[in-house]
N, C-alpha and C. Protein backbone atom coordinates (compact mmCIF):
# COMPACT_ATOMS: atom_id res chain seq x y z
N MET A 1 -13.99 19.55 1.82
CA MET A 1 -13.26 18.71 0.89
C MET A 1 -13.92 17.33 0.85
N ASN A 2 -14.08 16.78 -0.35
CA ASN A 2 -14.65 15.45 -0.54
C ASN A 2 -13.54 14.41 -0.37
N HIS A 3 -13.59 13.62 0.69
CA HIS A 3 -12.53 12.68 1.02
C HIS A 3 -12.81 11.29 0.46
N LYS A 4 -12.86 11.17 -0.87
CA LYS A 4 -13.08 9.87 -1.50
C LYS A 4 -11.75 9.18 -1.74
N LEU A 5 -11.79 7.87 -1.60
CA LEU A 5 -10.62 7.02 -1.80
C LEU A 5 -10.80 6.25 -3.09
N SER A 6 -9.76 6.19 -3.90
CA SER A 6 -9.79 5.42 -5.14
C SER A 6 -8.54 4.55 -5.17
N VAL A 7 -8.69 3.28 -5.56
CA VAL A 7 -7.57 2.35 -5.57
C VAL A 7 -7.55 1.60 -6.89
N LEU A 8 -6.39 1.62 -7.54
CA LEU A 8 -6.15 0.85 -8.74
C LEU A 8 -5.27 -0.33 -8.35
N VAL A 9 -5.70 -1.55 -8.68
CA VAL A 9 -4.93 -2.75 -8.35
C VAL A 9 -4.16 -3.17 -9.60
N GLN A 10 -2.84 -3.18 -9.50
CA GLN A 10 -1.98 -3.62 -10.60
C GLN A 10 -1.39 -4.97 -10.21
N ILE A 11 -1.66 -5.99 -11.03
CA ILE A 11 -1.17 -7.33 -10.75
C ILE A 11 -0.26 -7.75 -11.88
N ASP A 12 0.98 -8.09 -11.55
CA ASP A 12 1.93 -8.59 -12.53
C ASP A 12 1.49 -10.00 -12.91
N LEU A 13 1.32 -10.27 -14.20
CA LEU A 13 0.83 -11.56 -14.64
C LEU A 13 1.78 -12.71 -14.33
N ASP A 14 3.06 -12.41 -14.13
CA ASP A 14 4.02 -13.44 -13.74
C ASP A 14 4.04 -13.65 -12.24
N GLY A 15 3.25 -12.91 -11.51
CA GLY A 15 3.18 -13.06 -10.07
C GLY A 15 4.32 -12.41 -9.32
N ALA A 16 5.05 -11.52 -9.97
CA ALA A 16 6.20 -10.88 -9.33
C ALA A 16 5.78 -9.83 -8.29
N TYR A 17 4.66 -9.16 -8.52
CA TYR A 17 4.23 -8.13 -7.58
C TYR A 17 2.75 -7.81 -7.75
N VAL A 18 2.19 -7.23 -6.70
CA VAL A 18 0.86 -6.64 -6.71
C VAL A 18 1.04 -5.25 -6.13
N ARG A 19 0.48 -4.27 -6.81
CA ARG A 19 0.61 -2.87 -6.39
C ARG A 19 -0.77 -2.25 -6.29
N LEU A 20 -1.08 -1.64 -5.16
CA LEU A 20 -2.32 -0.91 -4.97
C LEU A 20 -1.99 0.57 -5.02
N VAL A 21 -2.42 1.22 -6.09
CA VAL A 21 -2.14 2.65 -6.29
C VAL A 21 -3.33 3.44 -5.76
N VAL A 22 -3.09 4.21 -4.73
CA VAL A 22 -4.15 4.96 -4.06
C VAL A 22 -4.14 6.40 -4.57
N THR A 23 -5.32 6.87 -4.98
CA THR A 23 -5.50 8.27 -5.34
C THR A 23 -6.66 8.80 -4.51
N GLY A 24 -6.89 10.07 -4.60
CA GLY A 24 -7.94 10.66 -3.77
C GLY A 24 -7.40 10.95 -2.39
N CYS A 25 -8.21 10.67 -1.36
CA CYS A 25 -7.85 10.99 0.02
C CYS A 25 -7.87 9.75 0.90
N LEU A 26 -6.82 9.59 1.71
CA LEU A 26 -6.79 8.54 2.72
C LEU A 26 -6.91 9.21 4.07
N THR A 27 -8.00 8.90 4.77
CA THR A 27 -8.27 9.52 6.07
C THR A 27 -8.46 8.44 7.13
N GLU A 28 -8.49 8.88 8.39
CA GLU A 28 -8.78 7.94 9.48
C GLU A 28 -10.13 7.27 9.27
N THR A 29 -11.06 7.99 8.68
CA THR A 29 -12.41 7.49 8.48
C THR A 29 -12.50 6.44 7.39
N ASN A 30 -11.72 6.58 6.30
CA ASN A 30 -11.87 5.63 5.19
C ASN A 30 -10.74 4.63 5.05
N GLN A 31 -9.72 4.67 5.90
CA GLN A 31 -8.60 3.75 5.77
C GLN A 31 -9.02 2.30 5.91
N HIS A 32 -10.12 2.05 6.63
CA HIS A 32 -10.60 0.66 6.82
C HIS A 32 -10.96 0.01 5.48
N ALA A 33 -11.43 0.80 4.53
CA ALA A 33 -11.77 0.25 3.21
C ALA A 33 -10.51 -0.22 2.49
N LEU A 34 -9.43 0.54 2.60
CA LEU A 34 -8.17 0.14 2.00
C LEU A 34 -7.62 -1.09 2.71
N HIS A 35 -7.74 -1.13 4.03
CA HIS A 35 -7.28 -2.30 4.78
C HIS A 35 -8.02 -3.56 4.33
N ALA A 36 -9.31 -3.46 4.12
CA ALA A 36 -10.09 -4.62 3.65
C ALA A 36 -9.59 -5.09 2.29
N LEU A 37 -9.29 -4.16 1.41
CA LEU A 37 -8.78 -4.52 0.08
C LEU A 37 -7.41 -5.18 0.18
N VAL A 38 -6.54 -4.63 1.02
CA VAL A 38 -5.22 -5.22 1.23
C VAL A 38 -5.37 -6.65 1.75
N GLY A 39 -6.25 -6.84 2.71
CA GLY A 39 -6.48 -8.18 3.26
C GLY A 39 -6.96 -9.16 2.22
N ARG A 40 -7.84 -8.71 1.37
CA ARG A 40 -8.36 -9.58 0.32
C ARG A 40 -7.27 -9.97 -0.67
N VAL A 41 -6.46 -9.02 -1.09
CA VAL A 41 -5.36 -9.29 -2.02
C VAL A 41 -4.37 -10.26 -1.40
N ARG A 42 -4.06 -10.06 -0.11
CA ARG A 42 -3.07 -10.90 0.57
C ARG A 42 -3.51 -12.35 0.69
N THR A 43 -4.80 -12.58 0.80
CA THR A 43 -5.27 -13.94 1.03
C THR A 43 -5.79 -14.64 -0.22
N GLU A 44 -6.17 -13.88 -1.24
CA GLU A 44 -6.78 -14.51 -2.41
C GLU A 44 -5.85 -14.67 -3.61
N LEU A 45 -4.69 -14.02 -3.57
CA LEU A 45 -3.73 -14.16 -4.67
C LEU A 45 -2.56 -15.00 -4.19
N PRO A 46 -1.82 -15.60 -5.12
CA PRO A 46 -0.63 -16.35 -4.71
C PRO A 46 0.33 -15.45 -3.94
N PRO A 47 1.08 -16.01 -3.00
CA PRO A 47 1.98 -15.20 -2.18
C PRO A 47 2.97 -14.39 -3.01
N THR A 48 2.97 -13.11 -2.81
CA THR A 48 3.89 -12.17 -3.43
C THR A 48 3.88 -10.91 -2.57
N THR A 49 4.81 -10.04 -2.75
CA THR A 49 4.81 -8.80 -1.98
C THR A 49 3.72 -7.87 -2.52
N VAL A 50 2.92 -7.36 -1.61
CA VAL A 50 1.87 -6.41 -1.95
C VAL A 50 2.37 -5.03 -1.55
N THR A 51 2.33 -4.09 -2.49
CA THR A 51 2.77 -2.74 -2.22
C THR A 51 1.58 -1.79 -2.25
N VAL A 52 1.43 -1.02 -1.19
CA VAL A 52 0.41 0.02 -1.12
C VAL A 52 1.13 1.33 -1.41
N ASP A 53 0.80 1.94 -2.54
CA ASP A 53 1.46 3.17 -3.00
C ASP A 53 0.54 4.37 -2.76
N LEU A 54 0.91 5.18 -1.78
CA LEU A 54 0.12 6.36 -1.42
C LEU A 54 0.68 7.65 -2.02
N THR A 55 1.72 7.54 -2.84
CA THR A 55 2.41 8.74 -3.32
C THR A 55 1.60 9.57 -4.32
N ASP A 56 0.57 9.00 -4.93
CA ASP A 56 -0.26 9.75 -5.87
C ASP A 56 -1.55 10.28 -5.23
N ALA A 57 -1.73 10.02 -3.95
CA ALA A 57 -2.94 10.49 -3.27
C ALA A 57 -2.89 12.01 -3.11
N VAL A 58 -4.04 12.63 -3.20
CA VAL A 58 -4.16 14.08 -3.06
C VAL A 58 -3.98 14.49 -1.60
N HIS A 59 -4.52 13.69 -0.69
CA HIS A 59 -4.51 14.01 0.74
C HIS A 59 -4.31 12.71 1.51
N VAL A 60 -3.29 12.67 2.37
CA VAL A 60 -3.02 11.49 3.20
C VAL A 60 -2.82 11.96 4.64
N GLU A 61 -3.64 11.45 5.54
CA GLU A 61 -3.49 11.78 6.95
C GLU A 61 -2.49 10.81 7.58
N ALA A 62 -1.53 11.35 8.31
CA ALA A 62 -0.53 10.51 8.96
C ALA A 62 -1.19 9.51 9.91
N ALA A 63 -2.24 9.92 10.60
CA ALA A 63 -2.93 9.02 11.51
C ALA A 63 -3.57 7.85 10.75
N ALA A 64 -4.05 8.11 9.54
CA ALA A 64 -4.63 7.05 8.73
C ALA A 64 -3.57 6.04 8.33
N VAL A 65 -2.38 6.52 7.99
CA VAL A 65 -1.27 5.63 7.64
C VAL A 65 -0.90 4.78 8.85
N ASP A 66 -0.84 5.39 10.02
CA ASP A 66 -0.53 4.64 11.24
C ASP A 66 -1.57 3.55 11.51
N LEU A 67 -2.84 3.90 11.38
CA LEU A 67 -3.90 2.92 11.60
C LEU A 67 -3.82 1.78 10.58
N LEU A 68 -3.55 2.12 9.34
CA LEU A 68 -3.42 1.12 8.30
C LEU A 68 -2.24 0.19 8.57
N ARG A 69 -1.11 0.76 8.93
CA ARG A 69 0.07 -0.06 9.27
C ARG A 69 -0.24 -0.99 10.43
N TRP A 70 -0.89 -0.47 11.46
CA TRP A 70 -1.22 -1.28 12.62
C TRP A 70 -2.15 -2.43 12.24
N ALA A 71 -3.17 -2.12 11.45
CA ALA A 71 -4.13 -3.15 11.04
C ALA A 71 -3.47 -4.23 10.19
N ILE A 72 -2.57 -3.82 9.29
CA ILE A 72 -1.86 -4.78 8.44
C ILE A 72 -0.95 -5.66 9.29
N ALA A 73 -0.21 -5.05 10.21
CA ALA A 73 0.70 -5.81 11.08
C ALA A 73 -0.07 -6.76 11.97
N ASP A 74 -1.24 -6.33 12.43
CA ASP A 74 -2.05 -7.15 13.32
C ASP A 74 -2.57 -8.39 12.60
N GLY A 75 -2.76 -8.30 11.27
CA GLY A 75 -3.28 -9.41 10.50
C GLY A 75 -2.21 -10.23 9.80
N SER A 76 -0.95 -10.00 10.15
CA SER A 76 0.14 -10.70 9.47
C SER A 76 0.30 -12.11 10.01
N SER A 77 0.60 -13.00 9.12
CA SER A 77 0.92 -14.38 9.47
C SER A 77 1.80 -14.94 8.37
N PRO A 78 2.44 -16.08 8.60
CA PRO A 78 3.32 -16.64 7.56
C PRO A 78 2.56 -17.08 6.31
N HIS A 79 1.24 -17.14 6.38
CA HIS A 79 0.45 -17.66 5.27
C HIS A 79 -0.12 -16.58 4.35
N VAL A 80 0.20 -15.33 4.62
CA VAL A 80 -0.29 -14.25 3.76
C VAL A 80 0.89 -13.46 3.20
N SER A 81 0.64 -12.78 2.12
CA SER A 81 1.69 -11.99 1.47
C SER A 81 2.14 -10.83 2.34
N PRO A 82 3.44 -10.51 2.32
CA PRO A 82 3.91 -9.33 3.04
C PRO A 82 3.43 -8.05 2.36
N VAL A 83 3.37 -6.98 3.12
CA VAL A 83 2.91 -5.69 2.60
C VAL A 83 3.98 -4.64 2.82
N ARG A 84 4.23 -3.86 1.77
CA ARG A 84 5.11 -2.70 1.85
C ARG A 84 4.28 -1.47 1.54
N MET A 85 4.66 -0.35 2.14
CA MET A 85 3.93 0.89 1.89
C MET A 85 4.88 1.97 1.40
N ARG A 86 4.41 2.70 0.40
CA ARG A 86 5.10 3.92 -0.06
C ARG A 86 4.23 5.08 0.37
N VAL A 87 4.84 6.02 1.07
CA VAL A 87 4.08 7.17 1.56
C VAL A 87 4.65 8.45 0.95
N PRO A 88 3.83 9.50 0.86
CA PRO A 88 4.31 10.77 0.29
C PRO A 88 5.41 11.39 1.15
N ASN A 89 6.21 12.24 0.53
CA ASN A 89 7.22 13.01 1.26
C ASN A 89 6.58 13.74 2.42
N GLY A 90 7.27 13.79 3.53
CA GLY A 90 6.78 14.53 4.67
C GLY A 90 5.99 13.71 5.66
N LEU A 91 5.58 12.51 5.28
CA LEU A 91 4.86 11.66 6.22
C LEU A 91 5.85 10.72 6.89
N PRO A 92 5.55 10.29 8.11
CA PRO A 92 6.45 9.35 8.78
C PRO A 92 6.62 8.07 7.96
N GLY A 93 7.85 7.60 7.89
CA GLY A 93 8.13 6.36 7.18
C GLY A 93 8.51 6.54 5.74
N HIS A 94 8.59 7.78 5.24
CA HIS A 94 8.98 7.99 3.84
C HIS A 94 10.46 7.73 3.67
N ARG A 95 10.76 6.88 2.69
CA ARG A 95 12.16 6.61 2.33
C ARG A 95 12.26 6.59 0.83
N PRO A 96 12.98 7.53 0.23
CA PRO A 96 13.14 7.51 -1.23
C PRO A 96 13.97 6.31 -1.64
N GLY A 97 13.73 5.83 -2.85
CA GLY A 97 14.49 4.69 -3.33
C GLY A 97 14.32 4.49 -4.82
N PRO A 98 14.73 3.33 -5.33
CA PRO A 98 14.69 3.05 -6.76
C PRO A 98 13.27 2.83 -7.28
N ALA A 99 13.18 2.57 -8.57
CA ALA A 99 11.89 2.42 -9.25
C ALA A 99 11.17 1.13 -8.86
N TRP A 100 9.95 0.99 -9.38
CA TRP A 100 9.11 -0.18 -9.10
C TRP A 100 9.57 -1.40 -9.86
N PRO A 101 9.25 -2.61 -9.34
CA PRO A 101 9.54 -3.82 -10.09
C PRO A 101 8.79 -3.78 -11.41
N GLY A 102 9.41 -4.26 -12.43
CA GLY A 102 8.77 -4.23 -13.73
C GLY A 102 8.89 -2.87 -14.40
N HIS A 103 9.48 -1.90 -13.70
CA HIS A 103 9.61 -0.55 -14.23
C HIS A 103 11.05 -0.04 -14.03
N GLY A 104 12.02 -0.94 -14.14
CA GLY A 104 13.40 -0.52 -14.10
C GLY A 104 14.09 -0.60 -12.76
N GLY A 105 13.53 -1.27 -11.78
CA GLY A 105 14.21 -1.36 -10.50
C GLY A 105 13.44 -2.23 -9.53
N ASP A 106 13.76 -2.09 -8.24
CA ASP A 106 13.05 -2.86 -7.24
C ASP A 106 12.57 -1.95 -6.12
N LEU A 107 11.96 -2.55 -5.11
CA LEU A 107 11.36 -1.78 -4.04
C LEU A 107 12.28 -1.48 -2.89
N ALA A 108 13.46 -2.02 -2.88
CA ALA A 108 14.34 -1.85 -1.72
C ALA A 108 14.47 -0.38 -1.36
N GLY A 109 14.24 -0.07 -0.10
CA GLY A 109 14.37 1.31 0.37
C GLY A 109 13.14 2.15 0.22
N ARG A 110 12.17 1.72 -0.54
CA ARG A 110 10.96 2.54 -0.72
C ARG A 110 9.88 2.17 0.26
N ALA A 111 9.95 0.99 0.79
CA ALA A 111 8.89 0.53 1.67
C ALA A 111 8.96 1.23 3.02
N ALA A 112 7.83 1.35 3.62
CA ALA A 112 7.77 1.93 4.96
C ALA A 112 7.18 0.94 5.91
């Protein structure tokens, strides 16, 4: 299987949210690339909640999600945007909830 990672960055022009939509495969081997992108978004854009959406990915390794969460938490400070993660059903931390901001609802309950 070809484990390529693809990320679409959606930025609300009013600064209400930033969403990273991940497709393809998130593995232990390539999660560092997503972490680097998350770090860049958190530090280079005005403070807002950054959401990493893994629900459209074809393949997500639970260990990769754990590593990504650890890396994001390790780099957290009051001066960078907070990060929320949406993970596919069946992975640790999945919590169903309402729709996305700007799309009829908010993120409460969807973050992991």
